[in-house]
Protein backbone atom coordinates (compact mmCIF):
# COMPACT_ATOMS: atom_id res chain seq x y z
CA GLN A 1 69.06 -122.68 157.35
CA GLU A 2 69.39 -126.03 155.60
CA GLN A 3 68.44 -128.96 157.78
CA LEU A 4 67.75 -132.69 157.48
CA VAL A 5 65.45 -134.42 159.97
CA GLU A 6 65.06 -138.20 159.82
CA SER A 7 62.30 -140.09 161.60
CA GLY A 8 60.37 -143.36 161.56
CA GLY A 9 62.93 -145.74 162.98
CA GLY A 10 62.22 -148.23 165.72
CA LEU A 11 62.45 -151.81 166.91
CA VAL A 12 61.03 -154.47 164.63
CA GLN A 13 61.22 -158.24 164.30
CA THR A 14 62.90 -160.00 161.41
CA GLY A 15 60.56 -159.86 158.42
CA GLY A 16 58.82 -156.73 159.63
CA SER A 17 58.50 -153.36 157.94
CA LEU A 18 59.25 -149.71 158.66
CA THR A 19 58.91 -146.49 156.70
CA LEU A 20 61.46 -143.75 157.25
CA SER A 21 60.96 -140.09 156.46
CA CYS A 22 63.46 -137.33 155.81
CA VAL A 23 62.23 -133.76 155.93
CA VAL A 24 64.54 -131.51 153.95
CA SER A 25 64.58 -127.80 154.75
CA ALA A 26 66.57 -126.54 151.77
CA ARG A 27 65.75 -124.29 148.83
CA THR A 28 67.78 -126.49 146.47
CA PHE A 29 65.99 -129.74 147.37
CA THR A 30 63.86 -129.96 144.23
CA SER A 31 66.94 -129.94 141.99
CA THR A 32 69.12 -132.41 143.88
CA PRO A 33 69.28 -136.18 143.99
CA MET A 34 68.63 -137.67 147.41
CA ALA A 35 69.81 -140.83 149.06
CA TRP A 36 69.55 -142.89 152.20
CA PHE A 37 72.61 -144.14 154.02
CA ARG A 38 73.11 -146.24 157.12
CA GLN A 39 75.87 -146.62 159.65
CA VAL A 40 76.67 -149.12 162.37
CA PRO A 41 78.62 -147.70 165.34
CA GLY A 42 82.34 -148.01 164.70
CA GLU A 43 81.87 -148.76 161.00
CA GLU A 44 81.77 -146.69 157.83
CA ARG A 45 78.57 -145.21 156.49
CA GLU A 46 77.17 -147.13 153.53
CA PHE A 47 74.86 -146.24 150.67
CA VAL A 48 71.39 -147.77 150.80
CA ALA A 49 69.19 -146.18 148.13
CA GLY A 50 69.15 -143.15 145.84
CA ILE A 51 66.60 -141.22 143.82
CA ASN A 52 67.12 -138.56 141.16
CA TRP A 53 65.77 -135.03 141.37
CA ASN A 54 62.32 -135.75 139.94
CA GLY A 55 61.91 -139.31 141.22
CA GLU A 56 62.06 -140.92 137.79
CA THR A 57 65.08 -143.10 138.53
CA THR A 58 66.14 -145.01 141.62
CA THR A 59 69.05 -147.19 142.60
CA TYR A 60 69.63 -149.58 145.49
CA ALA A 61 72.45 -151.33 147.22
CA ASP A 62 72.49 -155.04 146.44
CA SER A 63 71.85 -155.84 150.08
CA VAL A 64 68.44 -154.12 150.07
CA LYS A 65 67.29 -154.44 146.47
CA GLY A 66 63.82 -155.93 146.27
CA ARG A 67 63.09 -155.11 149.90
CA PHE A 68 63.47 -151.30 150.16
CA THR A 69 61.79 -148.58 148.12
CA ILE A 70 62.90 -144.95 148.02
CA SER A 71 60.54 -142.17 146.99
CA ARG A 72 60.22 -138.40 147.28
CA ASP A 73 57.63 -135.66 147.40
CA ASN A 74 59.18 -132.45 146.12
CA ASP A 75 56.16 -130.37 147.09
CA LYS A 76 56.39 -131.48 150.71
CA LYS A 77 60.20 -131.72 150.58
CA VAL A 78 60.22 -135.22 152.03
CA VAL A 79 62.18 -138.34 151.10
CA TYR A 80 60.87 -141.74 152.15
CA LEU A 81 62.38 -145.16 152.56
CA GLN A 82 59.93 -148.04 152.75
CA MET A 83 61.67 -151.06 154.24
CA ASN A 84 60.10 -154.50 153.97
CA ASN A 85 61.29 -157.95 155.02
CA LEU A 86 63.79 -156.45 157.43
CA LYS A 87 66.79 -158.48 158.54
CA PRO A 88 69.06 -158.17 161.59
CA GLU A 89 71.85 -156.94 159.31
CA ASP A 90 69.68 -153.91 158.49
CA THR A 91 70.19 -152.68 162.05
CA ALA A 92 71.86 -149.26 161.86
CA VAL A 93 71.31 -145.55 162.13
CA TYR A 94 69.75 -144.32 158.90
CA TYR A 95 70.55 -140.92 157.41
CA CYS A 96 69.51 -138.99 154.33
CA ASN A 97 71.48 -136.50 152.26
CA ALA A 98 72.02 -135.19 148.75
CA PRO A 99 75.09 -136.81 147.20
CA ARG A 100 77.38 -134.91 144.84
CA ARG A 101 78.90 -136.44 141.70
CA GLY A 102 77.34 -139.86 142.01
CA TRP A 103 75.55 -141.88 144.64
CA THR A 104 78.67 -142.97 146.49
CA SER A 105 81.12 -140.14 145.83
CA GLY A 106 81.47 -139.36 149.51
CA ASN A 107 80.52 -135.72 149.02
CA TYR A 108 77.18 -134.25 150.08
CA TYR A 109 75.26 -131.01 149.72
CA TYR A 110 73.88 -130.75 153.24
CA ILE A 111 74.98 -131.06 156.82
CA TRP A 112 74.15 -134.48 158.24
CA GLY A 113 71.13 -134.78 160.49
CA GLN A 114 70.85 -136.89 163.63
CA GLY A 115 69.58 -139.96 161.79
CA THR A 116 66.98 -142.47 162.97
CA GLN A 117 67.75 -145.78 164.63
CA VAL A 118 66.48 -149.00 163.08
CA THR A 119 66.86 -152.16 165.13
CA VAL A 120 65.83 -155.55 163.76
CA SER A 121 65.70 -158.40 166.24
CA ALA A 122 66.13 -162.04 165.33
């Protein structure tokens, strides 16, 4: 069955770095765009970064541009998010998924995973 498993989160100081991984167990993975999202408890989920099916194009939210890098390995079926120069406002639960009809359409191919917690202390 299709499944998303995020990992790599943790507690880090302001200015630190983390690398998140998303293992995608889905036959359609190699033909879908992938994206990272984050959500603070009680608030709406927001788009963070996206990558097209073959990794040739990427896009980032203004809040993380220049600090985060999204990448993918279609052979291993893994999506990565390298996060540098982390800030307290980056604190959230991070999720991955395959968006439909645009990066922020609100529709997704897969069932959401559990996410991974990122906490950035001041």
